[in-house]
Amino acid sequence: MLRDSVIETAVEAENVSFNYERLKAVDGLSLQVPKGISFGLLGPNGAGKTTLIRLLVGLLRPRNGKVRLLGQAPSRKTAHLIGYMPQLHSLCAELSVTQNVEFFARVYGLTDKIRRTGRAEEVIRLIDMWSRRNDSVQKLSGGMKQRVSLACAIVHNPPLLFLDEPTVGLDPELRVTFWEYFSKLTRQGTTLIISSHTMDDASHCDSLAFMRDGRIIAGGSPDSLQQAVGRPGATLEDAFLHFVRSGEKGKDA
């Protein structure tokens, strides 16, 4: 039974909790994400999305509960399996675009292979930054830094990719390009965990979890969540509000 779960499941969280002093950021949360899909964590700021991602990638340790990535607990041994694009970029401002990508490639264990394979050039062209490849990151706009951050997260072709608000600050055309690439990744078998508070991002995901107050209040495909509202033309925003109100009624009862 466990072996089947390891084979089929990319991410597992079991009764995970985490506090920032008195603030309960993640509250007894459990989820399972199958391999090869785009899974969206949707909720307002403060819902616990970023904390959950940091717990899943191993940057934070849960106060309670367990996390498994591709059947293993997060550790240095699993780091090469993961790509992580944080909400606030962790780029080296003084280095060029190319130097940042090559640096992260080495962090993920690619060493000099990155130059021989041309992978750095490939991802820099993907994010449409080849003409700025020799510019230092500190000269770039916020949206351009987002692009470079994505390139650094995917340079080692990880099977599991965590993206925290990846399209913030992007123009509409580049946002479409990002999502086309994300869809290509899932078709190739990569699993994407994407946090967002925008309904546009959520509509592109294969499966969603609505988060509020550190908990998952509903989950399913975008279509199934919209249908749960019970009226034609319901949007994902309608669905989110529907489940929030349903939860509040349950508490009052």
C-alpha atoms as a PDB file:
ATOM      1  CA  MET A   1       0.000   0.000   0.000  1.00  0.00           C
ATOM      2  CA  LEU A   2       2.768   2.433   0.955  1.00  0.00           C
ATOM      3  CA  ARG A   3       4.749   1.494  -2.117  1.00  0.00           C
ATOM      4  CA  ASP A   4       1.811   2.327  -4.388  1.00  0.00           C
ATOM      5  CA  SER A   5       1.466   5.683  -2.637  1.00  0.00           C
ATOM      6  CA  VAL A   6       5.152   6.420  -3.177  1.00  0.00           C
ATOM      7  CA  ILE A   7       4.871   5.620  -6.877  1.00  0.00           C
ATOM      8  CA  GLU A   8       1.731   7.624  -7.545  1.00  0.00           C
ATOM      9  CA  THR A   9       1.996  10.557  -5.155  1.00  0.00           C
ATOM     10  CA  ALA A  10       4.345  13.515  -5.549  1.00  0.00           C
ATOM     11  CA  VAL A  11       3.516  15.389  -2.346  1.00  0.00           C
ATOM     12  CA  GLU A  12       1.962  14.223   0.908  1.00  0.00           C
ATOM     13  CA  ALA A  13       1.234  16.255   4.013  1.00  0.00           C
ATOM     14  CA  GLU A  14      -0.314  14.567   7.027  1.00  0.00           C
ATOM     15  CA  ASN A  15      -1.858  16.663   9.816  1.00  0.00           C
ATOM     16  CA  VAL A  16       0.801  19.369   9.432  1.00  0.00           C
ATOM     17  CA  SER A  17       0.806  22.374  11.763  1.00  0.00           C
ATOM     18  CA  PHE A  18       3.130  25.341  12.158  1.00  0.00           C
ATOM     19  CA  ASN A  19       3.030  28.399  14.418  1.00  0.00           C
ATOM     20  CA  TYR A  20       4.795  31.751  14.314  1.00  0.00           C
ATOM     21  CA  GLU A  21       4.763  32.310  18.074  1.00  0.00           C
ATOM     22  CA  ARG A  22       1.015  32.702  18.790  1.00  0.00           C
ATOM     23  CA  LEU A  23      -0.048  32.835  15.152  1.00  0.00           C
ATOM     24  CA  LYS A  24      -1.141  29.465  13.783  1.00  0.00           C
ATOM     25  CA  ALA A  25      -0.091  29.720  10.129  1.00  0.00           C
ATOM     26  CA  VAL A  26      -0.856  26.103   9.157  1.00  0.00           C
ATOM     27  CA  ASP A  27      -3.448  24.252  11.183  1.00  0.00           C
ATOM     28  CA  GLY A  28      -3.619  20.433  11.010  1.00  0.00           C
ATOM     29  CA  LEU A  29      -3.480  20.420   7.218  1.00  0.00           C
ATOM     30  CA  SER A  30      -3.434  17.231   5.130  1.00  0.00           C
ATOM     31  CA  LEU A  31      -3.184  16.850   1.367  1.00  0.00           C
ATOM     32  CA  GLN A  32      -2.032  14.488  -1.375  1.00  0.00           C
ATOM     33  CA  VAL A  33      -0.893  15.653  -4.796  1.00  0.00           C
ATOM     34  CA  PRO A  34      -0.608  13.076  -7.608  1.00  0.00           C
ATOM     35  CA  LYS A  35       2.367  13.121  -9.906  1.00  0.00           C
ATOM     36  CA  GLY A  36       2.304  15.026 -13.179  1.00  0.00           C
ATOM     37  CA  ILE A  37      -0.343  17.675 -12.476  1.00  0.00           C
ATOM     38  CA  SER A  38      -0.437  21.389 -11.726  1.00  0.00           C
ATOM     39  CA  PHE A  39      -1.827  21.795  -8.219  1.00  0.00           C
ATOM     40  CA  GLY A  40      -2.908  25.248  -7.104  1.00  0.00           C
ATOM     41  CA  LEU A  41      -3.033  26.616  -3.561  1.00  0.00           C
ATOM     42  CA  LEU A  42      -5.547  29.440  -3.787  1.00  0.00           C
ATOM     43  CA  GLY A  43      -6.372  31.869  -1.025  1.00  0.00           C
ATOM     44  CA  PRO A  44      -5.996  35.450   0.200  1.00  0.00           C
ATOM     45  CA  ASN A  45      -2.803  36.876   1.660  1.00  0.00           C
ATOM     46  CA  GLY A  46      -2.302  35.388   5.113  1.00  0.00           C
ATOM     47  CA  ALA A  47      -4.063  32.129   4.291  1.00  0.00           C
ATOM     48  CA  GLY A  48      -0.890  30.118   4.931  1.00  0.00           C
ATOM     49  CA  LYS A  49       0.099  29.321   1.343  1.00  0.00           C
ATOM     50  CA  THR A  50       3.716  30.484   1.532  1.00  0.00           C
ATOM     51  CA  THR A  51       4.248  28.857   4.932  1.00  0.00           C
ATOM     52  CA  LEU A  52       2.871  25.584   3.593  1.00  0.00           C
ATOM     53  CA  ILE A  53       5.217  25.672   0.604  1.00  0.00           C
ATOM     54  CA  ARG A  54       8.172  26.397   2.880  1.00  0.00           C
ATOM     55  CA  LEU A  55       7.157  23.399   4.978  1.00  0.00           C
ATOM     56  CA  LEU A  56       6.851  21.198   1.909  1.00  0.00           C
ATOM     57  CA  VAL A  57      10.276  22.085   0.513  1.00  0.00           C
ATOM     58  CA  GLY A  58      11.918  21.621   3.917  1.00  0.00           C
ATOM     59  CA  LEU A  59      12.795  25.248   4.736  1.00  0.00           C
ATOM     60  CA  LEU A  60      10.558  25.012   7.825  1.00  0.00           C
ATOM     61  CA  ARG A  61       9.921  22.050  10.082  1.00  0.00           C
ATOM     62  CA  PRO A  62       6.325  21.338  11.075  1.00  0.00           C
ATOM     63  CA  ARG A  63       5.443  21.526  14.759  1.00  0.00           C
ATOM     64  CA  ASN A  64       3.267  18.486  14.173  1.00  0.00           C
ATOM     65  CA  GLY A  65       2.641  16.117  11.281  1.00  0.00           C
ATOM     66  CA  LYS A  66       4.699  14.715   8.433  1.00  0.00           C
ATOM     67  CA  VAL A  67       5.690  15.774   4.920  1.00  0.00           C
ATOM     68  CA  ARG A  68       6.847  13.452   2.121  1.00  0.00           C
ATOM     69  CA  LEU A  69       8.096  14.408  -1.335  1.00  0.00           C
ATOM     70  CA  LEU A  70       8.147  11.578  -3.858  1.00  0.00           C
ATOM     71  CA  GLY A  71       7.958   9.214  -0.895  1.00  0.00           C
ATOM     72  CA  GLN A  72      10.821  10.807   1.074  1.00  0.00           C
ATOM     73  CA  ALA A  73      11.046  13.297   3.911  1.00  0.00           C
ATOM     74  CA  PRO A  74      12.491  16.655   2.740  1.00  0.00           C
ATOM     75  CA  SER A  75      16.254  16.753   3.260  1.00  0.00           C
ATOM     76  CA  ARG A  76      19.491  17.648   1.523  1.00  0.00           C
ATOM     77  CA  LYS A  77      19.253  14.313  -0.267  1.00  0.00           C
ATOM     78  CA  THR A  78      15.971  15.353  -1.927  1.00  0.00           C
ATOM     79  CA  ALA A  79      17.070  18.911  -2.813  1.00  0.00           C
ATOM     80  CA  HIS A  80      17.989  17.990  -6.401  1.00  0.00           C
ATOM     81  CA  LEU A  81      14.447  16.689  -6.951  1.00  0.00           C
ATOM     82  CA  ILE A  82      12.925  20.060  -6.161  1.00  0.00           C
ATOM     83  CA  GLY A  83      12.763  23.408  -7.910  1.00  0.00           C
ATOM     84  CA  TYR A  84      11.629  26.316  -5.744  1.00  0.00           C
ATOM     85  CA  MET A  85      10.678  29.789  -6.915  1.00  0.00           C
ATOM     86  CA  PRO A  86      10.000  31.884  -3.784  1.00  0.00           C
ATOM     87  CA  GLN A  87       7.590  34.795  -3.674  1.00  0.00           C
ATOM     88  CA  LEU A  88      10.513  37.128  -2.926  1.00  0.00           C
ATOM     89  CA  HIS A  89      13.394  36.249  -5.192  1.00  0.00           C
ATOM     90  CA  SER A  90      16.694  35.023  -3.754  1.00  0.00           C
ATOM     91  CA  LEU A  91      18.867  36.136  -6.657  1.00  0.00           C
ATOM     92  CA  CYS A  92      22.389  37.582  -6.285  1.00  0.00           C
ATOM     93  CA  ALA A  93      21.907  41.220  -7.272  1.00  0.00           C
ATOM     94  CA  GLU A  94      25.528  41.861  -8.279  1.00  0.00           C
ATOM     95  CA  LEU A  95      25.714  38.842 -10.595  1.00  0.00           C
ATOM     96  CA  SER A  96      24.482  38.789 -14.184  1.00  0.00           C
ATOM     97  CA  VAL A  97      21.459  36.851 -15.358  1.00  0.00           C
ATOM     98  CA  THR A  98      23.675  34.080 -16.741  1.00  0.00           C
ATOM     99  CA  GLN A  99      25.818  33.952 -13.608  1.00  0.00           C
ATOM    100  CA  ASN A 100      22.733  33.596 -11.425  1.00  0.00           C
ATOM    101  CA  VAL A 101      21.384  30.722 -13.502  1.00  0.00           C
ATOM    102  CA  GLU A 102      24.762  28.977 -13.507  1.00  0.00           C
ATOM    103  CA  PHE A 103      25.141  29.525  -9.755  1.00  0.00           C
ATOM    104  CA  PHE A 104      21.810  27.862  -9.006  1.00  0.00           C
ATOM    105  CA  ALA A 105      22.675  25.049 -11.401  1.00  0.00           C
ATOM    106  CA  ARG A 106      25.751  24.325  -9.300  1.00  0.00           C
ATOM    107  CA  VAL A 107      23.703  24.526  -6.095  1.00  0.00           C
ATOM    108  CA  TYR A 108      21.486  21.815  -7.551  1.00  0.00           C
ATOM    109  CA  GLY A 109      24.529  19.699  -8.390  1.00  0.00           C
ATOM    110  CA  LEU A 110      24.942  20.247 -12.138  1.00  0.00           C
ATOM    111  CA  THR A 111      28.524  21.625 -11.793  1.00  0.00           C
ATOM    112  CA  ASP A 112      30.152  22.381 -15.173  1.00  0.00           C
ATOM    113  CA  LYS A 113      27.668  20.197 -17.042  1.00  0.00           C
ATOM    114  CA  ILE A 114      25.446  23.277 -17.325  1.00  0.00           C
ATOM    115  CA  ARG A 115      27.870  24.888 -19.786  1.00  0.00           C
ATOM    116  CA  ARG A 116      28.387  21.764 -21.873  1.00  0.00           C
ATOM    117  CA  THR A 117      24.692  21.069 -22.346  1.00  0.00           C
ATOM    118  CA  GLY A 118      23.608  24.632 -23.066  1.00  0.00           C
ATOM    119  CA  ARG A 119      20.855  24.352 -20.458  1.00  0.00           C
ATOM    120  CA  ALA A 120      21.561  27.837 -19.089  1.00  0.00           C
ATOM    121  CA  GLU A 121      21.076  29.390 -22.520  1.00  0.00           C
ATOM    122  CA  GLU A 122      17.915  27.330 -23.017  1.00  0.00           C
ATOM    123  CA  VAL A 123      16.169  28.584 -19.880  1.00  0.00           C
ATOM    124  CA  ILE A 124      17.353  32.171 -20.358  1.00  0.00           C
ATOM    125  CA  ARG A 125      15.891  32.174 -23.857  1.00  0.00           C
ATOM    126  CA  LEU A 126      12.716  30.604 -22.495  1.00  0.00           C
ATOM    127  CA  ILE A 127      12.173  33.569 -20.183  1.00  0.00           C
ATOM    128  CA  ASP A 128      12.987  35.960 -23.046  1.00  0.00           C
ATOM    129  CA  MET A 129      16.029  37.434 -21.308  1.00  0.00           C
ATOM    130  CA  TRP A 130      18.825  36.472 -23.709  1.00  0.00           C
ATOM    131  CA  SER A 131      19.425  40.082 -24.745  1.00  0.00           C
ATOM    132  CA  ARG A 132      19.915  40.968 -21.050  1.00  0.00           C
ATOM    133  CA  ARG A 133      21.932  37.874 -20.131  1.00  0.00           C
ATOM    134  CA  ASN A 134      25.057  39.880 -19.205  1.00  0.00           C
ATOM    135  CA  ASP A 135      23.209  42.542 -17.189  1.00  0.00           C
ATOM    136  CA  SER A 136      23.393  42.412 -13.403  1.00  0.00           C
ATOM    137  CA  VAL A 137      20.137  41.527 -11.698  1.00  0.00           C
ATOM    138  CA  GLN A 138      20.093  44.833  -9.813  1.00  0.00           C
ATOM    139  CA  LYS A 139      19.485  46.620 -13.133  1.00  0.00           C
ATOM    140  CA  LEU A 140      16.345  44.587 -13.869  1.00  0.00           C
ATOM    141  CA  SER A 141      12.705  45.438 -13.229  1.00  0.00           C
ATOM    142  CA  GLY A 142      10.609  43.408 -10.801  1.00  0.00           C
ATOM    143  CA  GLY A 143       8.979  41.437 -13.603  1.00  0.00           C
ATOM    144  CA  MET A 144      12.349  40.610 -15.149  1.00  0.00           C
ATOM    145  CA  LYS A 145      13.620  39.377 -11.791  1.00  0.00           C
ATOM    146  CA  GLN A 146      10.590  37.080 -11.653  1.00  0.00           C
ATOM    147  CA  ARG A 147      11.628  35.613 -14.983  1.00  0.00           C
ATOM    148  CA  VAL A 148      15.194  35.002 -13.828  1.00  0.00           C
ATOM    149  CA  SER A 149      13.928  33.439 -10.613  1.00  0.00           C
ATOM    150  CA  LEU A 150      11.897  30.957 -12.674  1.00  0.00           C
ATOM    151  CA  ALA A 151      14.917  30.120 -14.827  1.00  0.00           C
ATOM    152  CA  CYS A 152      16.953  29.379 -11.696  1.00  0.00           C
ATOM    153  CA  ALA A 153      14.203  27.109 -10.351  1.00  0.00           C
ATOM    154  CA  ILE A 154      13.926  24.985 -13.505  1.00  0.00           C
ATOM    155  CA  VAL A 155      17.528  24.884 -14.754  1.00  0.00           C
ATOM    156  CA  HIS A 156      18.117  21.381 -13.320  1.00  0.00           C
ATOM    157  CA  ASN A 157      14.865  19.906 -14.729  1.00  0.00           C
ATOM    158  CA  PRO A 158      13.379  18.917 -11.357  1.00  0.00           C
ATOM    159  CA  PRO A 159      10.479  16.431 -11.253  1.00  0.00           C
ATOM    160  CA  LEU A 160       8.796  18.546  -8.561  1.00  0.00           C
ATOM    161  CA  LEU A 161       8.466  22.321  -8.885  1.00  0.00           C
ATOM    162  CA  PHE A 162       7.167  24.727  -6.223  1.00  0.00           C
ATOM    163  CA  LEU A 163       6.147  28.168  -7.479  1.00  0.00           C
ATOM    164  CA  ASP A 164       5.063  30.807  -4.955  1.00  0.00           C
ATOM    165  CA  GLU A 165       3.061  33.527  -6.735  1.00  0.00           C
ATOM    166  CA  PRO A 166       5.039  32.996  -9.974  1.00  0.00           C
ATOM    167  CA  THR A 167       3.111  35.418 -12.196  1.00  0.00           C
ATOM    168  CA  VAL A 168       3.050  38.456  -9.898  1.00  0.00           C
ATOM    169  CA  GLY A 169       4.320  41.506 -11.756  1.00  0.00           C
ATOM    170  CA  LEU A 170       4.283  39.869 -15.180  1.00  0.00           C
ATOM    171  CA  ASP A 171       2.624  41.469 -18.179  1.00  0.00           C
ATOM    172  CA  PRO A 172      -0.307  39.515 -19.699  1.00  0.00           C
ATOM    173  CA  GLU A 173       1.694  38.235 -22.662  1.00  0.00           C
ATOM    174  CA  LEU A 174       4.489  36.836 -20.514  1.00  0.00           C
ATOM    175  CA  ARG A 175       1.944  35.341 -18.102  1.00  0.00           C
ATOM    176  CA  VAL A 176       0.511  33.365 -21.020  1.00  0.00           C
ATOM    177  CA  THR A 177       4.032  32.231 -21.956  1.00  0.00           C
ATOM    178  CA  PHE A 178       4.649  31.051 -18.399  1.00  0.00           C
ATOM    179  CA  TRP A 179       1.446  29.030 -18.311  1.00  0.00           C
ATOM    180  CA  GLU A 180       2.135  27.488 -21.698  1.00  0.00           C
ATOM    181  CA  TYR A 181       5.488  26.342 -20.326  1.00  0.00           C
ATOM    182  CA  PHE A 182       3.923  25.065 -17.092  1.00  0.00           C
ATOM    183  CA  SER A 183       1.473  22.998 -19.149  1.00  0.00           C
ATOM    184  CA  LYS A 184       4.355  21.598 -21.172  1.00  0.00           C
ATOM    185  CA  LEU A 185       6.122  20.582 -17.956  1.00  0.00           C
ATOM    186  CA  THR A 186       3.119  18.659 -16.630  1.00  0.00           C
ATOM    187  CA  ARG A 187       2.715  16.876 -19.960  1.00  0.00           C
ATOM    188  CA  GLN A 188       6.320  15.739 -19.535  1.00  0.00           C
ATOM    189  CA  GLY A 189       5.531  14.398 -16.061  1.00  0.00           C
ATOM    190  CA  THR A 190       6.670  17.276 -13.832  1.00  0.00           C
ATOM    191  CA  THR A 191       4.501  18.050 -10.816  1.00  0.00           C
ATOM    192  CA  LEU A 192       3.830  21.731 -10.113  1.00  0.00           C
ATOM    193  CA  ILE A 193       2.664  23.174  -6.802  1.00  0.00           C
ATOM    194  CA  ILE A 194       1.598  26.765  -7.422  1.00  0.00           C
ATOM    195  CA  SER A 195       0.377  29.297  -4.874  1.00  0.00           C
ATOM    196  CA  SER A 196      -1.710  32.236  -5.998  1.00  0.00           C
ATOM    197  CA  HIS A 197      -4.446  34.623  -4.962  1.00  0.00           C
ATOM    198  CA  THR A 198      -5.573  35.313  -8.539  1.00  0.00           C
ATOM    199  CA  MET A 199      -8.425  33.474 -10.198  1.00  0.00           C
ATOM    200  CA  ASP A 200      -6.676  33.585 -13.568  1.00  0.00           C
ATOM    201  CA  ASP A 201      -3.809  31.461 -12.266  1.00  0.00           C
ATOM    202  CA  ALA A 202      -6.220  29.115 -10.514  1.00  0.00           C
ATOM    203  CA  SER A 203      -8.199  28.468 -13.687  1.00  0.00           C
ATOM    204  CA  HIS A 204      -5.090  27.023 -15.361  1.00  0.00           C
ATOM    205  CA  CYS A 205      -4.465  24.412 -12.653  1.00  0.00           C
ATOM    206  CA  ASP A 206      -5.542  20.778 -12.966  1.00  0.00           C
ATOM    207  CA  SER A 207      -6.544  20.670  -9.307  1.00  0.00           C
ATOM    208  CA  LEU A 208      -7.012  23.267  -6.576  1.00  0.00           C
ATOM    209  CA  ALA A 209      -7.051  23.572  -2.821  1.00  0.00           C
ATOM    210  CA  PHE A 210      -8.805  26.608  -1.372  1.00  0.00           C
ATOM    211  CA  MET A 211      -6.934  27.807   1.735  1.00  0.00           C
ATOM    212  CA  ARG A 212      -8.097  30.009   4.566  1.00  0.00           C
ATOM    213  CA  ASP A 213      -6.681  30.515   8.058  1.00  0.00           C
ATOM    214  CA  GLY A 214      -4.066  27.813   7.561  1.00  0.00           C
ATOM    215  CA  ARG A 215      -6.564  25.158   6.516  1.00  0.00           C
ATOM    216  CA  ILE A 216      -7.853  23.660   3.278  1.00  0.00           C
ATOM    217  CA  ILE A 217     -11.561  24.432   3.094  1.00  0.00           C
ATOM    218  CA  ALA A 218     -12.250  22.739  -0.265  1.00  0.00           C
ATOM    219  CA  GLY A 219     -10.467  20.939  -3.078  1.00  0.00           C
ATOM    220  CA  GLY A 220     -11.015  19.577  -6.559  1.00  0.00           C
ATOM    221  CA  SER A 221     -10.785  20.572 -10.194  1.00  0.00           C
ATOM    222  CA  PRO A 222     -11.690  24.163 -11.118  1.00  0.00           C
ATOM    223  CA  ASP A 223     -14.858  22.907 -12.843  1.00  0.00           C
ATOM    224  CA  SER A 224     -16.010  20.800  -9.895  1.00  0.00           C
ATOM    225  CA  LEU A 225     -15.465  23.650  -7.446  1.00  0.00           C
ATOM    226  CA  GLN A 226     -17.460  26.038  -9.636  1.00  0.00           C
ATOM    227  CA  GLN A 227     -20.255  23.494 -10.017  1.00  0.00           C
ATOM    228  CA  ALA A 228     -20.479  23.145  -6.241  1.00  0.00           C
ATOM    229  CA  VAL A 229     -21.874  26.686  -6.082  1.00  0.00           C
ATOM    230  CA  GLY A 230     -25.064  25.339  -7.613  1.00  0.00           C
ATOM    231  CA  ARG A 231     -25.798  28.006 -10.179  1.00  0.00           C
ATOM    232  CA  PRO A 232     -24.821  28.511 -13.839  1.00  0.00           C
ATOM    233  CA  GLY A 233     -21.943  30.814 -14.609  1.00  0.00           C
ATOM    234  CA  ALA A 234     -20.355  30.630 -11.161  1.00  0.00           C
ATOM    235  CA  THR A 235     -16.719  31.703 -11.113  1.00  0.00           C
ATOM    236  CA  LEU A 236     -13.851  30.423  -8.980  1.00  0.00           C
ATOM    237  CA  GLU A 237     -14.232  33.535  -6.853  1.00  0.00           C
ATOM    238  CA  ASP A 238     -17.876  32.597  -6.314  1.00  0.00           C
ATOM    239  CA  ALA A 239     -16.765  29.082  -5.408  1.00  0.00           C
ATOM    240  CA  PHE A 240     -14.229  30.319  -2.874  1.00  0.00           C
ATOM    241  CA  LEU A 241     -16.785  32.587  -1.190  1.00  0.00           C
ATOM    242  CA  HIS A 242     -19.306  29.725  -1.234  1.00  0.00           C
ATOM    243  CA  PHE A 243     -16.981  27.449   0.739  1.00  0.00           C
ATOM    244  CA  VAL A 244     -15.956  30.250   3.107  1.00  0.00           C
ATOM    245  CA  ARG A 245     -19.615  30.933   3.936  1.00  0.00           C
ATOM    246  CA  SER A 246     -20.391  27.232   4.224  1.00  0.00           C
ATOM    247  CA  GLY A 247     -17.589  26.901   6.763  1.00  0.00           C
ATOM    248  CA  GLU A 248     -18.813  29.857   8.747  1.00  0.00           C
ATOM    249  CA  LYS A 249     -22.330  28.422   8.862  1.00  0.00           C
ATOM    250  CA  GLY A 250     -20.899  25.139  10.085  1.00  0.00           C
ATOM    251  CA  LYS A 251     -19.114  26.897  12.947  1.00  0.00           C
ATOM    252  CA  ASP A 252     -22.291  28.747  13.951  1.00  0.00           C
ATOM    253  CA  ALA A 253     -24.252  25.503  13.933  1.00  0.00           C
END
